[in-house]
């Protein structure tokens, strides 16, 4: 009888600890974005086409072109990008129908045509394919991804 009681107590303790390890983190937002580039303004626009609202404060955008990759957040404004903001408002929550953009620099030290956008060490030029990812920084999970041809 004593062994049965001890076994039940051990099972209860193990069950309590194991229950605490379940995933209680926040839900990762899922959204669809349409991405477009305006080379004259040095901007990449992200149009929220549907899904969960997202906060610009918890987003990271990654660009991959060839062997080069860069990741950008709002903290990179003034470092590897000029601006990372929502269009037409000072709000940081982007909902369906809203647009945010990332503004880069005009490529420097380029021989010939300098059209394109520079984000840190990544240069995006016309006639190149760029893969993009919008990432939730709290969970490091992808919110949305795709590719575009400049």
N, C-alpha and C. Protein backbone atom coordinates (compact mmCIF):
# COMPACT_ATOMS: atom_id res chain seq x y z
N UNK A 1 0.82 -1.18 0.00
CA UNK A 1 0.00 0.00 0.00
C UNK A 1 0.87 1.26 0.00
N UNK A 2 1.94 1.21 0.80
CA UNK A 2 2.86 2.35 0.87
C UNK A 2 3.55 2.58 -0.47
N UNK A 3 3.94 1.50 -1.14
CA UNK A 3 4.59 1.63 -2.46
C UNK A 3 3.62 2.21 -3.48
N UNK A 4 2.37 1.85 -3.41
CA UNK A 4 1.37 2.40 -4.32
C UNK A 4 1.22 3.90 -4.10
N UNK A 5 1.19 4.35 -2.85
CA UNK A 5 1.07 5.77 -2.53
C UNK A 5 2.29 6.54 -3.03
N UNK A 6 3.49 5.98 -2.82
CA UNK A 6 4.72 6.63 -3.29
C UNK A 6 4.73 6.71 -4.81
N UNK A 7 4.31 5.66 -5.48
CA UNK A 7 4.27 5.65 -6.95
C UNK A 7 3.29 6.72 -7.47
N UNK A 8 2.15 6.86 -6.84
CA UNK A 8 1.17 7.87 -7.26
C UNK A 8 1.72 9.27 -7.03
N UNK A 9 2.41 9.49 -5.90
CA UNK A 9 3.00 10.81 -5.65
C UNK A 9 4.08 11.14 -6.67
N UNK A 10 4.93 10.19 -6.99
CA UNK A 10 5.97 10.43 -8.00
C UNK A 10 5.34 10.73 -9.36
N UNK A 11 4.30 9.99 -9.73
CA UNK A 11 3.61 10.23 -11.00
C UNK A 11 3.00 11.63 -11.02
N UNK A 12 2.44 12.08 -9.89
CA UNK A 12 1.85 13.42 -9.82
C UNK A 12 2.91 14.49 -9.98
N UNK A 13 4.07 14.32 -9.35
CA UNK A 13 5.16 15.30 -9.47
C UNK A 13 5.67 15.36 -10.90
N UNK A 14 5.89 14.21 -11.51
CA UNK A 14 6.38 14.17 -12.90
C UNK A 14 5.35 14.80 -13.82
N UNK A 15 4.09 14.51 -13.62
CA UNK A 15 3.03 15.08 -14.45
C UNK A 15 2.98 16.60 -14.32
N UNK A 16 3.16 17.10 -13.12
CA UNK A 16 3.15 18.55 -12.89
C UNK A 16 4.29 19.23 -13.62
N UNK A 17 5.50 18.67 -13.52
CA UNK A 17 6.65 19.26 -14.21
C UNK A 17 6.51 19.14 -15.72
N UNK A 18 6.07 18.02 -16.21
CA UNK A 18 5.93 17.82 -17.66
C UNK A 18 4.87 18.77 -18.23
N UNK A 19 3.82 19.03 -17.48
CA UNK A 19 2.79 19.96 -17.93
C UNK A 19 3.30 21.37 -18.07
N UNK A 20 4.30 21.73 -17.28
CA UNK A 20 4.88 23.07 -17.35
C UNK A 20 5.74 23.28 -18.57
N UNK A 21 6.12 22.20 -19.26
CA UNK A 21 6.98 22.31 -20.42
C UNK A 21 6.20 22.45 -21.72
N UNK A 22 4.89 22.46 -21.66
CA UNK A 22 4.11 22.58 -22.89
C UNK A 22 4.29 23.99 -23.46
N UNK A 23 3.99 24.11 -24.73
CA UNK A 23 4.16 25.38 -25.44
C UNK A 23 3.05 26.35 -25.06
N UNK A 24 3.40 27.34 -24.25
CA UNK A 24 2.42 28.37 -23.86
C UNK A 24 2.79 29.72 -24.45
N UNK A 25 3.70 29.73 -25.44
CA UNK A 25 4.14 30.98 -26.05
C UNK A 25 3.04 31.61 -26.87
N UNK A 26 3.29 32.85 -27.27
CA UNK A 26 2.31 33.57 -28.06
C UNK A 26 2.19 32.96 -29.44
N UNK A 27 1.02 33.11 -30.01
CA UNK A 27 0.76 32.62 -31.36
C UNK A 27 1.57 33.44 -32.37
N UNK A 28 2.19 32.75 -33.29
CA UNK A 28 2.95 33.43 -34.33
C UNK A 28 1.95 33.97 -35.36
N UNK A 29 1.99 35.27 -35.64
CA UNK A 29 1.04 35.80 -36.63
C UNK A 29 1.33 35.24 -38.02
N UNK A 30 0.28 35.01 -38.76
CA UNK A 30 0.40 34.57 -40.15
C UNK A 30 -0.29 35.62 -41.02
N UNK A 31 0.41 36.11 -42.00
CA UNK A 31 -0.13 37.15 -42.87
C UNK A 31 0.38 36.95 -44.28
N UNK A 32 -0.31 37.55 -45.21
CA UNK A 32 0.09 37.53 -46.61
C UNK A 32 0.51 38.94 -46.99
N UNK A 33 1.68 39.04 -47.60
CA UNK A 33 2.17 40.34 -48.05
C UNK A 33 2.42 40.30 -49.54
N UNK A 34 2.08 41.39 -50.21
CA UNK A 34 2.46 41.61 -51.60
C UNK A 34 3.60 42.62 -51.55
N UNK A 35 4.70 42.29 -52.19
CA UNK A 35 5.89 43.13 -52.11
C UNK A 35 6.15 43.77 -53.47
N UNK A 36 6.45 45.05 -53.43
CA UNK A 36 6.78 45.80 -54.66
C UNK A 36 7.94 46.74 -54.36
N UNK A 37 8.69 47.03 -55.39
CA UNK A 37 9.89 47.87 -55.24
C UNK A 37 9.74 49.11 -56.09
N UNK A 38 10.12 50.25 -55.53
CA UNK A 38 10.17 51.50 -56.27
C UNK A 38 11.63 51.95 -56.26
N UNK A 39 12.33 51.72 -57.38
CA UNK A 39 13.76 52.05 -57.47
C UNK A 39 14.01 53.55 -57.42
N UNK A 40 13.06 54.36 -57.87
CA UNK A 40 13.27 55.81 -57.84
C UNK A 40 13.26 56.34 -56.41
N UNK A 41 12.49 55.72 -55.54
CA UNK A 41 12.42 56.14 -54.13
C UNK A 41 13.34 55.32 -53.23
N UNK A 42 13.98 54.30 -53.78
CA UNK A 42 14.82 53.37 -53.00
C UNK A 42 14.01 52.68 -51.90
N UNK A 43 12.78 52.31 -52.23
CA UNK A 43 11.91 51.71 -51.23
C UNK A 43 11.38 50.35 -51.67
N UNK A 44 11.22 49.48 -50.68
CA UNK A 44 10.54 48.21 -50.86
C UNK A 44 9.27 48.29 -50.03
N UNK A 45 8.12 48.15 -50.69
CA UNK A 45 6.82 48.25 -50.03
C UNK A 45 6.26 46.87 -49.73
N UNK A 46 5.67 46.71 -48.55
CA UNK A 46 5.02 45.48 -48.13
C UNK A 46 3.55 45.79 -47.88
N UNK A 47 2.68 45.33 -48.79
CA UNK A 47 1.24 45.55 -48.67
C UNK A 47 0.63 44.35 -47.94
N UNK A 48 0.01 44.60 -46.79
CA UNK A 48 -0.62 43.54 -45.99
C UNK A 48 -1.90 43.14 -46.71
N UNK A 49 -1.93 41.95 -47.29
CA UNK A 49 -3.06 41.51 -48.11
C UNK A 49 -4.06 40.66 -47.35
N UNK A 50 -3.78 40.34 -46.09
CA UNK A 50 -4.72 39.54 -45.31
C UNK A 50 -4.01 38.75 -44.24
N UNK A 51 -4.78 38.34 -43.24
CA UNK A 51 -4.22 37.57 -42.15
C UNK A 51 -4.16 38.39 -40.87
N UNK A 52 -3.31 37.96 -39.96
CA UNK A 52 -3.21 38.58 -38.64
C UNK A 52 -2.52 39.95 -38.71
N UNK A 53 -2.91 40.86 -37.83
CA UNK A 53 -2.16 42.12 -37.71
C UNK A 53 -0.75 41.82 -37.19
N UNK A 54 0.21 42.62 -37.58
CA UNK A 54 1.59 42.45 -37.12
C UNK A 54 2.12 43.78 -36.62
N UNK A 55 3.05 43.72 -35.69
CA UNK A 55 3.67 44.92 -35.15
C UNK A 55 5.03 45.12 -35.79
N UNK A 56 5.29 46.33 -36.25
CA UNK A 56 6.60 46.61 -36.83
C UNK A 56 7.71 46.49 -35.80
N UNK A 57 7.37 46.61 -34.52
CA UNK A 57 8.38 46.51 -33.46
C UNK A 57 8.87 45.08 -33.24
N UNK A 58 8.11 44.10 -33.73
CA UNK A 58 8.50 42.70 -33.55
C UNK A 58 8.72 42.00 -34.88
N UNK A 59 8.96 42.78 -35.93
CA UNK A 59 9.20 42.19 -37.25
C UNK A 59 10.65 42.36 -37.67
N UNK A 60 11.11 41.39 -38.42
CA UNK A 60 12.42 41.44 -39.06
C UNK A 60 12.18 41.05 -40.51
N UNK A 61 12.80 41.77 -41.43
CA UNK A 61 12.67 41.45 -42.85
C UNK A 61 14.04 41.00 -43.34
N UNK A 62 14.06 39.85 -44.00
CA UNK A 62 15.31 39.32 -44.56
C UNK A 62 15.21 39.34 -46.08
N UNK A 63 16.28 39.78 -46.72
CA UNK A 63 16.39 39.76 -48.18
C UNK A 63 17.56 38.87 -48.55
N UNK A 64 17.38 38.05 -49.58
CA UNK A 64 18.44 37.17 -50.07
C UNK A 64 18.51 37.33 -51.58
N UNK A 65 19.70 37.69 -52.07
CA UNK A 65 19.91 37.84 -53.49
C UNK A 65 21.27 37.24 -53.83
N UNK A 66 21.26 36.16 -54.60
CA UNK A 66 22.51 35.47 -54.89
C UNK A 66 23.09 34.91 -53.60
N UNK A 67 24.33 35.23 -53.32
CA UNK A 67 25.01 34.77 -52.10
C UNK A 67 24.88 35.76 -50.95
N UNK A 68 24.29 36.92 -51.21
CA UNK A 68 24.20 37.98 -50.20
C UNK A 68 22.88 37.91 -49.47
N UNK A 69 22.92 38.19 -48.17
CA UNK A 69 21.72 38.21 -47.34
C UNK A 69 21.84 39.36 -46.35
N UNK A 70 20.70 40.01 -46.08
CA UNK A 70 20.66 41.02 -45.04
C UNK A 70 19.35 40.90 -44.30
N UNK A 71 19.37 41.23 -43.03
CA UNK A 71 18.16 41.25 -42.22
C UNK A 71 18.01 42.66 -41.64
N UNK A 72 16.77 43.14 -41.61
CA UNK A 72 16.51 44.51 -41.18
C UNK A 72 15.37 44.54 -40.16
N UNK A 73 15.52 45.39 -39.15
CA UNK A 73 14.47 45.69 -38.19
C UNK A 73 14.38 47.20 -38.05
N UNK A 74 13.42 47.66 -37.27
CA UNK A 74 13.31 49.11 -37.05
C UNK A 74 14.56 49.65 -36.36
N UNK A 75 15.27 48.81 -35.62
CA UNK A 75 16.49 49.25 -34.93
C UNK A 75 17.62 49.55 -35.91
N UNK A 76 17.49 49.11 -37.17
CA UNK A 76 18.53 49.33 -38.17
C UNK A 76 18.39 50.66 -38.89
N UNK A 77 17.36 51.44 -38.59
CA UNK A 77 17.18 52.74 -39.23
C UNK A 77 18.39 53.61 -38.89
N UNK A 78 19.01 54.16 -39.91
CA UNK A 78 20.20 54.98 -39.73
C UNK A 78 21.49 54.17 -39.83
N UNK A 79 21.37 52.85 -39.87
CA UNK A 79 22.56 51.99 -39.99
C UNK A 79 22.57 51.31 -41.35
N UNK A 80 21.68 50.32 -41.54
CA UNK A 80 21.65 49.60 -42.81
C UNK A 80 20.42 49.92 -43.64
N UNK A 81 19.55 50.81 -43.12
CA UNK A 81 18.43 51.30 -43.91
C UNK A 81 18.10 52.72 -43.46
N UNK A 82 17.40 53.45 -44.33
CA UNK A 82 17.08 54.84 -44.05
C UNK A 82 15.78 54.94 -43.26
N UNK A 83 14.81 54.09 -43.58
CA UNK A 83 13.51 54.16 -42.92
C UNK A 83 12.87 52.78 -42.90
N UNK A 84 12.04 52.52 -41.89
CA UNK A 84 11.31 51.26 -41.72
C UNK A 84 10.03 51.66 -41.01
N UNK A 85 8.99 51.98 -41.78
CA UNK A 85 7.80 52.59 -41.18
C UNK A 85 6.54 52.25 -41.96
N UNK A 86 5.41 52.52 -41.34
CA UNK A 86 4.12 52.32 -41.98
C UNK A 86 3.77 53.55 -42.80
N UNK A 87 3.14 53.34 -43.93
CA UNK A 87 2.75 54.44 -44.81
C UNK A 87 1.56 55.18 -44.22
N UNK A 88 1.67 56.51 -44.14
CA UNK A 88 0.54 57.36 -43.81
C UNK A 88 0.16 57.46 -42.36
N UNK A 89 0.92 56.87 -41.45
CA UNK A 89 0.55 56.94 -40.04
C UNK A 89 1.78 56.70 -39.17
N UNK A 90 1.66 57.08 -37.93
CA UNK A 90 2.76 56.83 -36.99
C UNK A 90 2.52 55.54 -36.20
N UNK A 91 1.46 54.82 -36.53
CA UNK A 91 1.14 53.56 -35.86
C UNK A 91 2.18 52.50 -36.20
N UNK A 92 2.30 51.51 -35.34
CA UNK A 92 3.25 50.43 -35.61
C UNK A 92 2.55 49.10 -35.87
N UNK A 93 1.23 49.06 -35.76
CA UNK A 93 0.49 47.83 -36.06
C UNK A 93 0.00 47.88 -37.50
N UNK A 94 0.39 46.87 -38.27
CA UNK A 94 0.03 46.79 -39.69
C UNK A 94 -1.08 45.74 -39.82
N UNK A 95 -2.24 46.18 -40.34
CA UNK A 95 -3.39 45.30 -40.52
C UNK A 95 -3.63 45.13 -42.02
N UNK A 96 -4.57 44.23 -42.35
CA UNK A 96 -4.94 44.02 -43.75
C UNK A 96 -5.33 45.35 -44.38
N UNK A 97 -4.77 45.65 -45.53
CA UNK A 97 -5.01 46.91 -46.22
C UNK A 97 -3.95 47.96 -45.96
N UNK A 98 -3.12 47.77 -44.92
CA UNK A 98 -2.05 48.71 -44.60
C UNK A 98 -0.78 48.36 -45.36
N UNK A 99 0.14 49.31 -45.41
CA UNK A 99 1.42 49.13 -46.09
C UNK A 99 2.53 49.67 -45.22
N UNK A 100 3.64 48.93 -45.17
CA UNK A 100 4.85 49.47 -44.58
C UNK A 100 5.96 49.38 -45.61
N UNK A 101 7.00 50.18 -45.42
CA UNK A 101 8.09 50.16 -46.38
C UNK A 101 9.43 50.24 -45.67
N UNK A 102 10.44 49.77 -46.39
CA UNK A 102 11.82 49.88 -45.95
C UNK A 102 12.54 50.68 -47.02
N UNK A 103 13.19 51.75 -46.60
CA UNK A 103 13.90 52.61 -47.54
C UNK A 103 15.39 52.37 -47.41
N UNK A 104 16.04 52.16 -48.54
CA UNK A 104 17.48 51.93 -48.55
C UNK A 104 18.22 53.10 -49.17
N UNK A 105 19.46 52.89 -49.48
CA UNK A 105 20.33 53.90 -50.08
C UNK A 105 20.50 53.62 -51.57
N UNK A 106 20.91 54.63 -52.32
CA UNK A 106 21.33 54.44 -53.70
C UNK A 106 22.70 53.77 -53.66
N UNK A 107 22.90 52.69 -54.43
CA UNK A 107 24.20 52.02 -54.40
C UNK A 107 25.35 52.98 -54.70
N UNK A 108 26.41 52.82 -53.94
CA UNK A 108 27.60 53.66 -54.12
C UNK A 108 28.73 52.85 -54.72
N UNK A 109 29.74 53.54 -55.21
CA UNK A 109 30.93 52.89 -55.80
C UNK A 109 30.55 51.91 -56.89
N UNK A 110 29.62 52.33 -57.76
CA UNK A 110 29.16 51.48 -58.84
C UNK A 110 29.63 52.07 -60.16
N UNK A 111 30.18 51.22 -61.00
CA UNK A 111 30.60 51.66 -62.32
C UNK A 111 29.42 51.46 -63.26
N UNK A 112 29.02 52.52 -63.96
CA UNK A 112 27.90 52.42 -64.88
C UNK A 112 26.59 52.76 -64.20
N UNK A 113 25.56 51.98 -64.49
CA UNK A 113 24.21 52.23 -63.99
C UNK A 113 24.14 52.00 -62.48
N UNK A 114 23.72 53.02 -61.74
CA UNK A 114 23.65 52.90 -60.28
C UNK A 114 22.22 52.68 -59.80
N UNK A 115 21.30 52.31 -60.72
CA UNK A 115 19.93 52.07 -60.26
C UNK A 115 19.89 50.80 -59.42
N UNK A 116 19.13 50.85 -58.38
CA UNK A 116 19.01 49.73 -57.46
C UNK A 116 18.86 50.27 -56.05
N UNK A 117 18.83 49.35 -55.10
CA UNK A 117 18.69 49.71 -53.69
C UNK A 117 19.77 48.99 -52.90
N UNK A 118 20.34 49.69 -51.95
CA UNK A 118 21.37 49.09 -51.09
C UNK A 118 20.86 49.06 -49.65
N UNK A 119 20.85 47.87 -49.07
CA UNK A 119 20.53 47.67 -47.65
C UNK A 119 21.77 47.04 -47.01
N UNK A 120 22.59 47.85 -46.36
CA UNK A 120 23.82 47.33 -45.78
C UNK A 120 24.72 46.77 -46.86
N UNK A 121 25.09 45.49 -46.75
CA UNK A 121 25.98 44.87 -47.74
C UNK A 121 25.22 44.24 -48.90
N UNK A 122 23.90 44.32 -48.92
CA UNK A 122 23.11 43.73 -50.00
C UNK A 122 22.67 44.81 -50.97
N UNK A 123 22.94 44.58 -52.24
CA UNK A 123 22.51 45.49 -53.30
C UNK A 123 21.52 44.77 -54.19
N UNK A 124 20.35 45.39 -54.36
CA UNK A 124 19.32 44.82 -55.23
C UNK A 124 19.28 45.65 -56.50
N UNK A 125 19.46 44.99 -57.64
CA UNK A 125 19.51 45.65 -58.94
C UNK A 125 18.37 45.19 -59.82
N UNK A 126 18.03 46.01 -60.86
CA UNK A 126 17.04 45.56 -61.84
C UNK A 126 17.51 44.25 -62.49
N UNK A 127 16.56 43.45 -62.91
CA UNK A 127 16.80 42.17 -63.58
C UNK A 127 17.45 41.14 -62.66
N UNK A 128 17.20 41.25 -61.34
CA UNK A 128 17.68 40.24 -60.41
C UNK A 128 16.50 39.72 -59.59
N UNK A 129 16.62 38.48 -59.14
CA UNK A 129 15.59 37.90 -58.29
C UNK A 129 16.00 38.06 -56.83
N UNK A 130 15.06 38.45 -56.01
CA UNK A 130 15.30 38.65 -54.58
C UNK A 130 14.25 37.85 -53.80
N UNK A 131 14.70 37.05 -52.85
CA UNK A 131 13.80 36.34 -51.96
C UNK A 131 13.66 37.17 -50.68
N UNK A 132 12.46 37.27 -50.16
CA UNK A 132 12.21 38.05 -48.95
C UNK A 132 11.46 37.19 -47.93
N UNK A 133 11.69 37.50 -46.67
CA UNK A 133 10.99 36.83 -45.57
C UNK A 133 10.63 37.87 -44.52
N UNK A 134 9.40 37.82 -44.03
CA UNK A 134 8.98 38.62 -42.89
C UNK A 134 8.96 37.67 -41.70
N UNK A 135 9.72 38.00 -40.66
CA UNK A 135 9.94 37.10 -39.53
C UNK A 135 9.47 37.75 -38.23
N UNK A 136 8.80 36.97 -37.39
CA UNK A 136 8.40 37.42 -36.05
C UNK A 136 9.60 37.24 -35.13
N UNK A 137 10.13 38.34 -34.57
CA UNK A 137 11.36 38.25 -33.78
C UNK A 137 11.15 37.59 -32.43
N UNK A 138 9.92 37.58 -31.91
CA UNK A 138 9.67 36.94 -30.61
C UNK A 138 9.84 35.43 -30.69
N UNK A 139 9.42 34.84 -31.79
CA UNK A 139 9.49 33.39 -31.93
C UNK A 139 10.52 32.92 -32.96
N UNK A 140 11.07 33.85 -33.73
CA UNK A 140 11.98 33.55 -34.83
C UNK A 140 11.32 32.69 -35.90
N UNK A 141 10.01 32.80 -36.03
CA UNK A 141 9.24 32.04 -37.04
C UNK A 141 8.85 32.96 -38.18
N UNK A 142 8.71 32.38 -39.37
CA UNK A 142 8.35 33.13 -40.57
C UNK A 142 6.87 33.47 -40.56
N UNK A 143 6.56 34.74 -40.80
CA UNK A 143 5.18 35.21 -40.92
C UNK A 143 4.73 35.07 -42.36
N UNK A 144 5.61 35.45 -43.30
CA UNK A 144 5.30 35.42 -44.71
C UNK A 144 6.60 35.41 -45.50
N UNK A 145 6.58 34.83 -46.70
CA UNK A 145 7.78 34.85 -47.54
C UNK A 145 7.40 34.76 -49.00
N UNK A 146 8.35 35.12 -49.85
CA UNK A 146 8.13 35.05 -51.29
C UNK A 146 9.36 35.52 -52.02
N UNK A 147 9.22 35.71 -53.32
CA UNK A 147 10.34 36.24 -54.11
C UNK A 147 9.79 37.23 -55.11
N UNK A 148 10.66 38.08 -55.58
CA UNK A 148 10.28 39.10 -56.55
C UNK A 148 11.40 39.25 -57.57
N UNK A 149 11.04 39.72 -58.71
CA UNK A 149 12.01 39.96 -59.77
C UNK A 149 12.01 41.45 -60.03
N UNK A 150 13.16 42.09 -59.79
CA UNK A 150 13.25 43.54 -59.98
C UNK A 150 13.35 43.89 -61.44
